[in-house]
C-alpha cells in the first residue's frame, strides 16, 4: 500500500519534462519501475509469509487449548455431542474463524495504509 503512490510519482517527471527537455535518461524510468515492482513483490511475499506464520501459530494454540478443555470436559458432553461434531469444532470452525479474522485484518490494514 505504501508503494501505490510511488508509481504515478515516478511517471510524473517523465511525462512533465522527460521527453520535452530530454533531462532524464530514457532507460531510468523503466528500470526504477521494475525495481519498484520487485520491491512490492518481495514485500508482498514477506507479508504473506509472516501472516501465515502468525495465523498458523494462533490456530495451533487455539486448537491446543480447545483440545485441553475437551480432555478435562465432563463425560456427559460426549454423550450429548458426537465425536464428529467435537472434532469439527476443533478443526474446521477454528480455521474458518481464523480465516475470517485474517481477511478482515488484511482489508483494514491495506485500506488504512492506502488511505494514509
PDB file of N, CA and C in Angstrom:
ATOM      1  N   UNK A   1       0.820  -1.189   0.000  1.00  0.00           N
ATOM      2  CA  UNK A   1       0.000   0.000   0.000  1.00  0.00           C
ATOM      3  C   UNK A   1       0.868   1.258   0.000  1.00  0.00           C
ATOM      4  N   UNK A   2       2.021   1.186   0.657  1.00  0.00           N
ATOM      5  CA  UNK A   2       2.892   2.360   0.687  1.00  0.00           C
ATOM      6  C   UNK A   2       3.538   2.640  -0.668  1.00  0.00           C
ATOM      7  N   UNK A   3       3.635   1.618  -1.501  1.00  0.00           N
ATOM      8  CA  UNK A   3       4.256   1.800  -2.812  1.00  0.00           C
ATOM      9  C   UNK A   3       3.270   2.280  -3.873  1.00  0.00           C
ATOM     10  N   UNK A   4       1.981   2.247  -3.593  1.00  0.00           N
ATOM     11  CA  UNK A   4       0.982   2.652  -4.588  1.00  0.00           C
ATOM     12  C   UNK A   4       1.199   4.075  -5.109  1.00  0.00           C
ATOM     13  N   UNK A   5       1.409   5.079  -4.243  1.00  0.00           N
ATOM     14  CA  UNK A   5       1.580   6.431  -4.785  1.00  0.00           C
ATOM     15  C   UNK A   5       2.922   6.643  -5.490  1.00  0.00           C
ATOM     16  N   UNK A   6       3.845   5.719  -5.322  1.00  0.00           N
ATOM     17  CA  UNK A   6       5.155   5.894  -5.965  1.00  0.00           C
ATOM     18  C   UNK A   6       5.099   5.681  -7.469  1.00  0.00           C
ATOM     19  N   UNK A   7       4.163   4.866  -7.922  1.00  0.00           N
ATOM     20  CA  UNK A   7       4.093   4.584  -9.364  1.00  0.00           C
ATOM     21  C   UNK A   7       3.731   5.844 -10.151  1.00  0.00           C
ATOM     22  N   UNK A   8       2.656   6.566  -9.806  1.00  0.00           N
ATOM     23  CA  UNK A   8       2.401   7.811 -10.547  1.00  0.00           C
ATOM     24  C   UNK A   8       3.488   8.859 -10.314  1.00  0.00           C
ATOM     25  N   UNK A   9       4.087   8.855  -9.113  1.00  0.00           N
ATOM     26  CA  UNK A   9       5.140   9.822  -8.831  1.00  0.00           C
ATOM     27  C   UNK A   9       6.360   9.571  -9.717  1.00  0.00           C
ATOM     28  N   UNK A  10       6.616   8.317 -10.068  1.00  0.00           N
ATOM     29  CA  UNK A  10       7.739   8.015 -10.952  1.00  0.00           C
ATOM     30  C   UNK A  10       7.467   8.457 -12.389  1.00  0.00           C
ATOM     31  N   UNK A  11       6.232   8.366 -12.806  1.00  0.00           N
ATOM     32  CA  UNK A  11       5.904   8.741 -14.175  1.00  0.00           C
ATOM     33  C   UNK A  11       5.720  10.244 -14.349  1.00  0.00           C
ATOM     34  N   UNK A  12       5.502  10.972 -13.259  1.00  0.00           N
ATOM     35  CA  UNK A  12       5.278  12.415 -13.368  1.00  0.00           C
ATOM     36  C   UNK A  12       6.461  13.148 -13.998  1.00  0.00           C
ATOM     37  N   UNK A  13       7.710  12.949 -13.522  1.00  0.00           N
ATOM     38  CA  UNK A  13       8.812  13.671 -14.173  1.00  0.00           C
ATOM     39  C   UNK A  13       8.991  13.279 -15.640  1.00  0.00           C
ATOM     40  N   UNK A  14       8.726  12.032 -15.951  1.00  0.00           N
ATOM     41  CA  UNK A  14       8.865  11.591 -17.336  1.00  0.00           C
ATOM     42  C   UNK A  14       7.817  12.258 -18.218  1.00  0.00           C
ATOM     43  N   UNK A  15       6.605  12.320 -17.735  1.00  0.00           N
ATOM     44  CA  UNK A  15       5.537  12.914 -18.535  1.00  0.00           C
ATOM     45  C   UNK A  15       5.597  14.437 -18.535  1.00  0.00           C
ATOM     46  N   UNK A  16       6.037  15.039 -17.429  1.00  0.00           N
ATOM     47  CA  UNK A  16       6.088  16.502 -17.356  1.00  0.00           C
ATOM     48  C   UNK A  16       7.227  17.086 -18.177  1.00  0.00           C
ATOM     49  N   UNK A  17       8.433  16.561 -17.983  1.00  0.00           N
ATOM     50  CA  UNK A  17       9.565  17.173 -18.693  1.00  0.00           C
ATOM     51  C   UNK A  17      10.593  16.174 -19.199  1.00  0.00           C
ATOM     52  N   UNK A  18      10.308  14.900 -19.094  1.00  0.00           N
ATOM     53  CA  UNK A  18      11.288  13.901 -19.523  1.00  0.00           C
ATOM     54  C   UNK A  18      11.478  13.851 -21.013  1.00  0.00           C
ATOM     55  N   UNK A  19      10.406  13.918 -21.768  1.00  0.00           N
ATOM     56  CA  UNK A  19      10.513  13.835 -23.214  1.00  0.00           C
ATOM     57  C   UNK A  19      10.850  15.193 -23.825  1.00  0.00           C
ATOM     58  N   UNK A  20      10.324  16.262 -23.249  1.00  0.00           N
ATOM     59  CA  UNK A  20      10.491  17.584 -23.850  1.00  0.00           C
ATOM     60  C   UNK A  20      11.914  18.101 -23.691  1.00  0.00           C
ATOM     61  N   UNK A  21      12.438  18.047 -22.481  1.00  0.00           N
ATOM     62  CA  UNK A  21      13.756  18.628 -22.235  1.00  0.00           C
ATOM     63  C   UNK A  21      14.882  17.602 -22.324  1.00  0.00           C
ATOM     64  N   UNK A  22      14.501  16.351 -22.443  1.00  0.00           N
ATOM     65  CA  UNK A  22      15.490  15.269 -22.537  1.00  0.00           C
ATOM     66  C   UNK A  22      16.426  15.286 -21.323  1.00  0.00           C
ATOM     67  N   UNK A  23      15.856  15.606 -20.163  1.00  0.00           N
ATOM     68  CA  UNK A  23      16.667  15.715 -18.950  1.00  0.00           C
ATOM     69  C   UNK A  23      16.827  14.374 -18.242  1.00  0.00           C
ATOM     70  N   UNK A  24      15.966  13.436 -18.516  1.00  0.00           N
ATOM     71  CA  UNK A  24      16.060  12.125 -17.877  1.00  0.00           C
ATOM     72  C   UNK A  24      16.521  11.095 -18.890  1.00  0.00           C
ATOM     73  N   UNK A  25      17.424  10.218 -18.499  1.00  0.00           N
ATOM     74  CA  UNK A  25      17.756   9.117 -19.399  1.00  0.00           C
ATOM     75  C   UNK A  25      16.531   8.219 -19.585  1.00  0.00           C
ATOM     76  N   UNK A  26      16.250   7.853 -20.785  1.00  0.00           N
ATOM     77  CA  UNK A  26      15.037   7.108 -21.091  1.00  0.00           C
ATOM     78  C   UNK A  26      15.012   5.740 -20.405  1.00  0.00           C
ATOM     79  N   UNK A  27      16.154   5.140 -20.165  1.00  0.00           N
ATOM     80  CA  UNK A  27      16.203   3.816 -19.563  1.00  0.00           C
ATOM     81  C   UNK A  27      15.979   3.855 -18.051  1.00  0.00           C
ATOM     82  N   UNK A  28      16.068   5.013 -17.408  1.00  0.00           N
ATOM     83  CA  UNK A  28      15.999   5.052 -15.939  1.00  0.00           C
ATOM     84  C   UNK A  28      14.589   4.795 -15.411  1.00  0.00           C
ATOM     85  N   UNK A  29      13.570   5.309 -16.078  1.00  0.00           N
ATOM     86  CA  UNK A  29      12.200   5.139 -15.584  1.00  0.00           C
ATOM     87  C   UNK A  29      11.774   3.670 -15.624  1.00  0.00           C
ATOM     88  N   UNK A  30      11.938   2.935 -16.739  1.00  0.00           N
ATOM     89  CA  UNK A  30      11.560   1.514 -16.708  1.00  0.00           C
ATOM     90  C   UNK A  30      12.359   0.715 -15.684  1.00  0.00           C
ATOM     91  N   UNK A  31      13.624   1.064 -15.512  1.00  0.00           N
ATOM     92  CA  UNK A  31      14.441   0.361 -14.534  1.00  0.00           C
ATOM     93  C   UNK A  31      13.915   0.586 -13.112  1.00  0.00           C
ATOM     94  N   UNK A  32      13.547   1.810 -12.806  1.00  0.00           N
ATOM     95  CA  UNK A  32      13.008   2.117 -11.481  1.00  0.00           C
ATOM     96  C   UNK A  32      11.638   1.468 -11.291  1.00  0.00           C
ATOM     97  N   UNK A  33      10.813   1.441 -12.326  1.00  0.00           N
ATOM     98  CA  UNK A  33       9.502   0.806 -12.224  1.00  0.00           C
ATOM     99  C   UNK A  33       9.653  -0.700 -11.991  1.00  0.00           C
ATOM    100  N   UNK A  34      10.554  -1.337 -12.703  1.00  0.00           N
ATOM    101  CA  UNK A  34      10.803  -2.767 -12.496  1.00  0.00           C
ATOM    102  C   UNK A  34      11.316  -3.007 -11.079  1.00  0.00           C
ATOM    103  N   UNK A  35      12.213  -2.148 -10.615  1.00  0.00           N
ATOM    104  CA  UNK A  35      12.701  -2.268  -9.237  1.00  0.00           C
ATOM    105  C   UNK A  35      11.603  -2.081  -8.215  1.00  0.00           C
ATOM    106  N   UNK A  36      10.705  -1.132  -8.471  1.00  0.00           N
ATOM    107  CA  UNK A  36       9.590  -0.889  -7.563  1.00  0.00           C
ATOM    108  C   UNK A  36       8.657  -2.098  -7.516  1.00  0.00           C
ATOM    109  N   UNK A  37       8.361  -2.684  -8.673  1.00  0.00           N
ATOM    110  CA  UNK A  37       7.508  -3.869  -8.677  1.00  0.00           C
ATOM    111  C   UNK A  37       8.213  -5.059  -8.024  1.00  0.00           C
ATOM    112  N   UNK A  38       9.518  -5.157  -8.175  1.00  0.00           N
ATOM    113  CA  UNK A  38      10.260  -6.190  -7.460  1.00  0.00           C
ATOM    114  C   UNK A  38      10.194  -6.001  -5.957  1.00  0.00           C
ATOM    115  N   UNK A  39      10.330  -4.758  -5.535  1.00  0.00           N
ATOM    116  CA  UNK A  39      10.229  -4.447  -4.102  1.00  0.00           C
ATOM    117  C   UNK A  39       8.830  -4.740  -3.586  1.00  0.00           C
ATOM    118  N   UNK A  40       7.819  -4.387  -4.370  1.00  0.00           N
ATOM    119  CA  UNK A  40       6.444  -4.694  -3.970  1.00  0.00           C
ATOM    120  C   UNK A  40       6.214  -6.198  -3.878  1.00  0.00           C
ATOM    121  N   UNK A  41       6.757  -6.959  -4.822  1.00  0.00           N
ATOM    122  CA  UNK A  41       6.614  -8.414  -4.787  1.00  0.00           C
ATOM    123  C   UNK A  41       7.285  -9.017  -3.570  1.00  0.00           C
ATOM    124  N   UNK A  42       8.487  -8.526  -3.259  1.00  0.00           N
ATOM    125  CA  UNK A  42       9.197  -9.017  -2.078  1.00  0.00           C
ATOM    126  C   UNK A  42       8.436  -8.661  -0.802  1.00  0.00           C
ATOM    127  N   UNK A  43       7.928  -7.444  -0.724  1.00  0.00           N
ATOM    128  CA  UNK A  43       7.155  -7.029   0.453  1.00  0.00           C
ATOM    129  C   UNK A  43       5.886  -7.864   0.585  1.00  0.00           C
ATOM    130  N   UNK A  44       5.240  -8.159  -0.536  1.00  0.00           N
ATOM    131  CA  UNK A  44       4.034  -8.990  -0.507  1.00  0.00           C
ATOM    132  C   UNK A  44       4.359 -10.404  -0.021  1.00  0.00           C
ATOM    133  N   UNK A  45       5.460 -10.967  -0.491  1.00  0.00           N
ATOM    134  CA  UNK A  45       5.860 -12.303  -0.063  1.00  0.00           C
ATOM    135  C   UNK A  45       6.152 -12.331   1.432  1.00  0.00           C
ATOM    136  N   UNK A  46       6.914 -11.358   1.912  1.00  0.00           N
ATOM    137  CA  UNK A  46       7.244 -11.310   3.340  1.00  0.00           C
ATOM    138  C   UNK A  46       5.983 -11.133   4.178  1.00  0.00           C
ATOM    139  N   UNK A  47       5.072 -10.280   3.721  1.00  0.00           N
ATOM    140  CA  UNK A  47       3.829 -10.060   4.461  1.00  0.00           C
ATOM    141  C   UNK A  47       2.980 -11.326   4.500  1.00  0.00           C
ATOM    142  N   UNK A  48       2.869 -12.022   3.378  1.00  0.00           N
ATOM    143  CA  UNK A  48       2.075 -13.250   3.347  1.00  0.00           C
ATOM    144  C   UNK A  48       2.697 -14.337   4.211  1.00  0.00           C
ATOM    145  N   UNK A  49       4.031 -14.434   4.177  1.00  0.00           N
ATOM    146  CA  UNK A  49       4.714 -15.427   4.998  1.00  0.00           C
ATOM    147  C   UNK A  49       4.506 -15.134   6.476  1.00  0.00           C
ATOM    148  N   UNK A  50       4.686 -13.880   6.872  1.00  0.00           N
ATOM    149  CA  UNK A  50       4.507 -13.512   8.275  1.00  0.00           C
ATOM    150  C   UNK A  50       3.064 -13.721   8.710  1.00  0.00           C
ATOM    151  N   UNK A  51       2.123 -13.370   7.850  1.00  0.00           N
ATOM    152  CA  UNK A  51       0.717 -13.544   8.180  1.00  0.00           C
ATOM    153  C   UNK A  51       0.368 -15.021   8.326  1.00  0.00           C
ATOM    154  N   UNK A  52       0.869 -15.852   7.435  1.00  0.00           N
ATOM    155  CA  UNK A  52       0.614 -17.289   7.529  1.00  0.00           C
ATOM    156  C   UNK A  52       1.231 -17.864   8.795  1.00  0.00           C
ATOM    157  N   UNK A  53       2.412 -17.404   9.125  1.00  0.00           N
ATOM    158  CA  UNK A  53       3.077 -17.897  10.332  1.00  0.00           C
ATOM    159  C   UNK A  53       2.295 -17.531  11.589  1.00  0.00           C
ATOM    160  N   UNK A  54       1.889 -16.273  11.685  1.00  0.00           N
ATOM    161  CA  UNK A  54       1.127 -15.821  12.859  1.00  0.00           C
ATOM    162  C   UNK A  54      -0.224 -16.522  12.923  1.00  0.00           C
ATOM    163  N   UNK A  55      -0.889 -16.655  11.777  1.00  0.00           N
ATOM    164  CA  UNK A  55      -2.197 -17.311  11.740  1.00  0.00           C
ATOM    165  C   UNK A  55      -2.089 -18.766  12.159  1.00  0.00           C
ATOM    166  N   UNK A  56      -1.114 -19.476  11.619  1.00  0.00           N
ATOM    167  CA  UNK A  56      -0.965 -20.892  11.954  1.00  0.00           C
ATOM    168  C   UNK A  56      -0.572 -21.087  13.411  1.00  0.00           C
ATOM    169  N   UNK A  57       0.282 -20.224  13.929  1.00  0.00           N
ATOM    170  CA  UNK A  57       0.634 -20.326  15.350  1.00  0.00           C
ATOM    171  C   UNK A  57      -0.578 -20.063  16.234  1.00  0.00           C
ATOM    172  N   UNK A  58      -1.393 -19.076  15.859  1.00  0.00           N
ATOM    173  CA  UNK A  58      -2.604 -18.786  16.630  1.00  0.00           C
ATOM    174  C   UNK A  58      -3.607 -19.922  16.575  1.00  0.00           C
ATOM    175  N   UNK A  59      -3.786 -20.510  15.385  1.00  0.00           N
ATOM    176  CA  UNK A  59      -4.712 -21.636  15.260  1.00  0.00           C
ATOM    177  C   UNK A  59      -4.206 -22.840  16.046  1.00  0.00           C
ATOM    178  N   UNK A  60      -2.909 -23.067  16.027  1.00  0.00           N
ATOM    179  CA  UNK A  60      -2.351 -24.196  16.784  1.00  0.00           C
ATOM    180  C   UNK A  60      -2.575 -24.010  18.273  1.00  0.00           C
ATOM    181  N   UNK A  61      -2.395 -22.804  18.778  1.00  0.00           N
ATOM    182  CA  UNK A  61      -2.618 -22.536  20.202  1.00  0.00           C
ATOM    183  C   UNK A  61      -4.088 -22.685  20.558  1.00  0.00           C
ATOM    184  N   UNK A  62      -4.975 -22.140  19.712  1.00  0.00           N
ATOM    185  CA  UNK A  62      -6.397 -22.251  19.977  1.00  0.00           C
ATOM    186  C   UNK A  62      -6.860 -23.703  19.942  1.00  0.00           C
ATOM    187  N   UNK A  63      -6.372 -24.464  18.975  1.00  0.00           N
ATOM    188  CA  UNK A  63      -6.738 -25.886  18.901  1.00  0.00           C
ATOM    189  C   UNK A  63      -6.203 -26.655  20.096  1.00  0.00           C
ATOM    190  N   UNK A  64      -4.992 -26.333  20.526  1.00  0.00           N
ATOM    191  CA  UNK A  64      -4.436 -26.997  21.709  1.00  0.00           C
ATOM    192  C   UNK A  64      -5.254 -26.675  22.956  1.00  0.00           C
ATOM    193  N   UNK A  65      -5.656 -25.421  23.091  1.00  0.00           N
ATOM    194  CA  UNK A  65      -6.483 -25.036  24.238  1.00  0.00           C
ATOM    195  C   UNK A  65      -7.844 -25.736  24.201  1.00  0.00           C
ATOM    196  N   UNK A  66      -8.455 -25.792  23.014  1.00  0.00           N
ATOM    197  CA  UNK A  66      -9.739 -26.488  22.896  1.00  0.00           C
ATOM    198  C   UNK A  66      -9.600 -27.977  23.201  1.00  0.00           C
ATOM    199  N   UNK A  67      -8.526 -28.574  22.724  1.00  0.00           N
ATOM    200  CA  UNK A  67      -8.309 -29.990  22.993  1.00  0.00           C
ATOM    201  C   UNK A  67      -8.086 -30.226  24.486  1.00  0.00           C
ATOM    202  N   UNK A  68      -7.344 -29.337  25.135  1.00  0.00           N
ATOM    203  CA  UNK A  68      -7.153 -29.451  26.584  1.00  0.00           C
ATOM    204  C   UNK A  68      -8.472 -29.352  27.333  1.00  0.00           C
ATOM    205  N   UNK A  69      -9.355 -28.489  26.891  1.00  0.00           N
ATOM    206  CA  UNK A  69     -10.672 -28.389  27.525  1.00  0.00           C
ATOM    207  C   UNK A  69     -11.511 -29.632  27.261  1.00  0.00           C
ATOM    208  N   UNK A  70     -11.379 -30.208  26.066  1.00  0.00           N
ATOM    209  CA  UNK A  70     -12.104 -31.449  25.778  1.00  0.00           C
ATOM    210  C   UNK A  70     -11.619 -32.594  26.646  1.00  0.00           C
ATOM    211  N   UNK A  71     -10.326 -32.656  26.884  1.00  0.00           N
ATOM    212  CA  UNK A  71      -9.769 -33.725  27.711  1.00  0.00           C
ATOM    213  C   UNK A  71     -10.288 -33.606  29.145  1.00  0.00           C
ATOM    214  N   UNK A  72     -10.432 -32.380  29.628  1.00  0.00           N
ATOM    215  CA  UNK A  72     -10.886 -32.163  31.004  1.00  0.00           C
ATOM    216  C   UNK A  72     -12.407 -32.004  31.110  1.00  0.00           C
ATOM    217  N   UNK A  73     -13.115 -32.147  30.006  1.00  0.00           N
ATOM    218  CA  UNK A  73     -14.562 -31.911  30.000  1.00  0.00           C
ATOM    219  C   UNK A  73     -15.294 -33.012  30.750  1.00  0.00           C
ATOM    220  N   UNK A  74     -16.497 -32.662  31.168  1.00  0.00           N
ATOM    221  CA  UNK A  74     -17.375 -33.621  31.835  1.00  0.00           C
ATOM    222  C   UNK A  74     -17.769 -34.706  30.830  1.00  0.00           C
ATOM    223  N   UNK A  75     -17.879 -35.927  31.287  1.00  0.00           N
ATOM    224  CA  UNK A  75     -18.172 -37.033  30.380  1.00  0.00           C
ATOM    225  C   UNK A  75     -19.555 -36.928  29.756  1.00  0.00           C
ATOM    226  N   UNK A  76     -20.460 -36.174  30.360  1.00  0.00           N
ATOM    227  CA  UNK A  76     -21.796 -36.015  29.770  1.00  0.00           C
ATOM    228  C   UNK A  76     -21.732 -35.263  28.441  1.00  0.00           C
ATOM    229  N   UNK A  77     -20.680 -34.467  28.241  1.00  0.00           N
ATOM    230  CA  UNK A  77     -20.519 -33.775  26.964  1.00  0.00           C
ATOM    231  C   UNK A  77     -20.412 -34.765  25.814  1.00  0.00           C
ATOM    232  N   UNK A  78     -19.723 -35.865  26.051  1.00  0.00           N
ATOM    233  CA  UNK A  78     -19.505 -36.845  24.984  1.00  0.00           C
ATOM    234  C   UNK A  78     -20.751 -37.671  24.693  1.00  0.00           C
ATOM    235  N   UNK A  79     -21.679 -37.701  25.628  1.00  0.00           N
ATOM    236  CA  UNK A  79     -22.949 -38.385  25.344  1.00  0.00           C
ATOM    237  C   UNK A  79     -23.909 -37.452  24.613  1.00  0.00           C
ATOM    238  N   UNK A  80     -23.763 -36.138  24.808  1.00  0.00           N
ATOM    239  CA  UNK A  80     -24.624 -35.170  24.129  1.00  0.00           C
ATOM    240  C   UNK A  80     -24.120 -34.830  22.729  1.00  0.00           C
ATOM    241  N   UNK A  81     -22.821 -34.803  22.531  1.00  0.00           N
ATOM    242  CA  UNK A  81     -22.224 -34.404  21.244  1.00  0.00           C
ATOM    243  C   UNK A  81     -21.533 -35.606  20.609  1.00  0.00           C
ATOM    244  N   UNK A  82     -21.629 -35.691  19.309  1.00  0.00           N
ATOM    245  CA  UNK A  82     -20.927 -36.770  18.608  1.00  0.00           C
ATOM    246  C   UNK A  82     -19.451 -36.409  18.468  1.00  0.00           C
ATOM    247  N   UNK A  83     -18.650 -37.417  18.236  1.00  0.00           N
ATOM    248  CA  UNK A  83     -17.215 -37.200  18.060  1.00  0.00           C
ATOM    249  C   UNK A  83     -16.943 -36.341  16.833  1.00  0.00           C
ATOM    250  N   UNK A  84     -17.746 -36.505  15.778  1.00  0.00           N
ATOM    251  CA  UNK A  84     -17.526 -35.704  14.567  1.00  0.00           C
ATOM    252  C   UNK A  84     -17.866 -34.233  14.812  1.00  0.00           C
ATOM    253  N   UNK A  85     -18.890 -33.958  15.631  1.00  0.00           N
ATOM    254  CA  UNK A  85     -19.231 -32.557  15.934  1.00  0.00           C
ATOM    255  C   UNK A  85     -18.120 -31.909  16.756  1.00  0.00           C
ATOM    256  N   UNK A  86     -17.569 -32.645  17.699  1.00  0.00           N
ATOM    257  CA  UNK A  86     -16.485 -32.094  18.519  1.00  0.00           C
ATOM    258  C   UNK A  86     -15.215 -31.881  17.704  1.00  0.00           C
ATOM    259  N   UNK A  87     -14.879 -32.836  16.840  1.00  0.00           N
ATOM    260  CA  UNK A  87     -13.681 -32.670  16.018  1.00  0.00           C
ATOM    261  C   UNK A  87     -13.881 -31.568  14.987  1.00  0.00           C
ATOM    262  N   UNK A  88     -15.114 -31.421  14.499  1.00  0.00           N
ATOM    263  CA  UNK A  88     -15.424 -30.333  13.572  1.00  0.00           C
ATOM    264  C   UNK A  88     -15.177 -28.980  14.247  1.00  0.00           C
ATOM    265  N   UNK A  89     -15.581 -28.859  15.500  1.00  0.00           N
ATOM    266  CA  UNK A  89     -15.368 -27.610  16.232  1.00  0.00           C
ATOM    267  C   UNK A  89     -13.889 -27.326  16.390  1.00  0.00           C
ATOM    268  N   UNK A  90     -13.122 -28.338  16.749  1.00  0.00           N
ATOM    269  CA  UNK A  90     -11.693 -28.135  16.999  1.00  0.00           C
ATOM    270  C   UNK A  90     -10.937 -27.839  15.710  1.00  0.00           C
ATOM    271  N   UNK A  91     -11.293 -28.498  14.633  1.00  0.00           N
ATOM    272  CA  UNK A  91     -10.515 -28.363  13.397  1.00  0.00           C
ATOM    273  C   UNK A  91     -11.065 -27.272  12.484  1.00  0.00           C
ATOM    274  N   UNK A  92     -12.280 -27.421  12.021  1.00  0.00           N
ATOM    275  CA  UNK A  92     -12.778 -26.572  10.942  1.00  0.00           C
ATOM    276  C   UNK A  92     -13.281 -25.217  11.421  1.00  0.00           C
ATOM    277  N   UNK A  93     -13.998 -25.183  12.520  1.00  0.00           N
ATOM    278  CA  UNK A  93     -14.533 -23.900  12.966  1.00  0.00           C
ATOM    279  C   UNK A  93     -13.429 -22.956  13.418  1.00  0.00           C
ATOM    280  N   UNK A  94     -12.358 -23.492  13.986  1.00  0.00           N
ATOM    281  CA  UNK A  94     -11.204 -22.658  14.330  1.00  0.00           C
ATOM    282  C   UNK A  94     -10.585 -22.091  13.060  1.00  0.00           C
ATOM    283  N   UNK A  95     -10.465 -22.911  12.042  1.00  0.00           N
ATOM    284  CA  UNK A  95      -9.875 -22.463  10.781  1.00  0.00           C
ATOM    285  C   UNK A  95     -10.751 -21.421  10.096  1.00  0.00           C
ATOM    286  N   UNK A  96     -12.044 -21.615  10.087  1.00  0.00           N
ATOM    287  CA  UNK A  96     -12.945 -20.651   9.452  1.00  0.00           C
ATOM    288  C   UNK A  96     -12.912 -19.321  10.193  1.00  0.00           C
ATOM    289  N   UNK A  97     -12.951 -19.383  11.517  1.00  0.00           N
ATOM    290  CA  UNK A  97     -12.884 -18.151  12.305  1.00  0.00           C
ATOM    291  C   UNK A  97     -11.582 -17.409  12.091  1.00  0.00           C
ATOM    292  N   UNK A  98     -10.489 -18.144  12.054  1.00  0.00           N
ATOM    293  CA  UNK A  98      -9.184 -17.506  11.844  1.00  0.00           C
ATOM    294  C   UNK A  98      -9.090 -16.901  10.453  1.00  0.00           C
ATOM    295  N   UNK A  99      -9.596 -17.588   9.442  1.00  0.00           N
ATOM    296  CA  UNK A  99      -9.514 -17.037   8.078  1.00  0.00           C
ATOM    297  C   UNK A  99     -10.378 -15.789   7.934  1.00  0.00           C
ATOM    298  N   UNK A 100     -11.540 -15.759   8.579  1.00  0.00           N
ATOM    299  CA  UNK A 100     -12.370 -14.560   8.516  1.00  0.00           C
ATOM    300  C   UNK A 100     -11.714 -13.398   9.245  1.00  0.00           C
ATOM    301  N   UNK A 101     -11.108 -13.679  10.389  1.00  0.00           N
ATOM    302  CA  UNK A 101     -10.418 -12.633  11.134  1.00  0.00           C
ATOM    303  C   UNK A 101      -9.237 -12.087  10.344  1.00  0.00           C
ATOM    304  N   UNK A 102      -8.475 -12.974   9.729  1.00  0.00           N
ATOM    305  CA  UNK A 102      -7.318 -12.549   8.947  1.00  0.00           C
ATOM    306  C   UNK A 102      -7.756 -11.734   7.730  1.00  0.00           C
ATOM    307  N   UNK A 103      -8.821 -12.152   7.061  1.00  0.00           N
ATOM    308  CA  UNK A 103      -9.310 -11.402   5.902  1.00  0.00           C
ATOM    309  C   UNK A 103      -9.743  -9.994   6.303  1.00  0.00           C
ATOM    310  N   UNK A 104     -10.416  -9.889   7.428  1.00  0.00           N
ATOM    311  CA  UNK A 104     -10.838  -8.568   7.894  1.00  0.00           C
ATOM    312  C   UNK A 104      -9.636  -7.703   8.253  1.00  0.00           C
ATOM    313  N   UNK A 105      -8.647  -8.281   8.925  1.00  0.00           N
ATOM    314  CA  UNK A 105      -7.462  -7.514   9.304  1.00  0.00           C
ATOM    315  C   UNK A 105      -6.641  -7.092   8.091  1.00  0.00           C
ATOM    316  N   UNK A 106      -6.551  -7.956   7.102  1.00  0.00           N
ATOM    317  CA  UNK A 106      -5.822  -7.604   5.877  1.00  0.00           C
ATOM    318  C   UNK A 106      -6.502  -6.428   5.185  1.00  0.00           C
ATOM    319  N   UNK A 107      -7.817  -6.494   5.057  1.00  0.00           N
ATOM    320  CA  UNK A 107      -8.549  -5.407   4.413  1.00  0.00           C
ATOM    321  C   UNK A 107      -8.399  -4.098   5.160  1.00  0.00           C
ATOM    322  N   UNK A 108      -8.540  -4.136   6.475  1.00  0.00           N
ATOM    323  CA  UNK A 108      -8.394  -2.917   7.268  1.00  0.00           C
ATOM    324  C   UNK A 108      -6.991  -2.341   7.176  1.00  0.00           C
ATOM    325  N   UNK A 109      -5.992  -3.196   7.266  1.00  0.00           N
ATOM    326  CA  UNK A 109      -4.606  -2.731   7.228  1.00  0.00           C
ATOM    327  C   UNK A 109      -4.255  -2.161   5.856  1.00  0.00           C
ATOM    328  N   UNK A 110      -4.586  -2.897   4.810  1.00  0.00           N
ATOM    329  CA  UNK A 110      -4.245  -2.451   3.457  1.00  0.00           C
ATOM    330  C   UNK A 110      -4.969  -1.153   3.108  1.00  0.00           C
ATOM    331  N   UNK A 111      -6.257  -1.089   3.418  1.00  0.00           N
ATOM    332  CA  UNK A 111      -7.012   0.127   3.117  1.00  0.00           C
ATOM    333  C   UNK A 111      -6.554   1.299   3.976  1.00  0.00           C
ATOM    334  N   UNK A 112      -6.172   1.009   5.218  1.00  0.00           N
ATOM    335  CA  UNK A 112      -5.673   2.076   6.091  1.00  0.00           C
ATOM    336  C   UNK A 112      -4.366   2.651   5.582  1.00  0.00           C
ATOM    337  N   UNK A 113      -3.452   1.788   5.154  1.00  0.00           N
ATOM    338  CA  UNK A 113      -2.186   2.279   4.618  1.00  0.00           C
ATOM    339  C   UNK A 113      -2.392   3.009   3.290  1.00  0.00           C
ATOM    340  N   UNK A 114      -3.309   2.526   2.467  1.00  0.00           N
ATOM    341  CA  UNK A 114      -3.584   3.218   1.209  1.00  0.00           C
ATOM    342  C   UNK A 114      -4.179   4.591   1.475  1.00  0.00           C
ATOM    343  N   UNK A 115      -5.039   4.684   2.467  1.00  0.00           N
ATOM    344  CA  UNK A 115      -5.631   5.972   2.813  1.00  0.00           C
ATOM    345  C   UNK A 115      -4.575   6.959   3.292  1.00  0.00           C
ATOM    346  N   UNK A 116      -3.667   6.460   4.128  1.00  0.00           N
ATOM    347  CA  UNK A 116      -2.590   7.337   4.603  1.00  0.00           C
ATOM    348  C   UNK A 116      -1.711   7.786   3.457  1.00  0.00           C
TER     349      UNK A 116
END
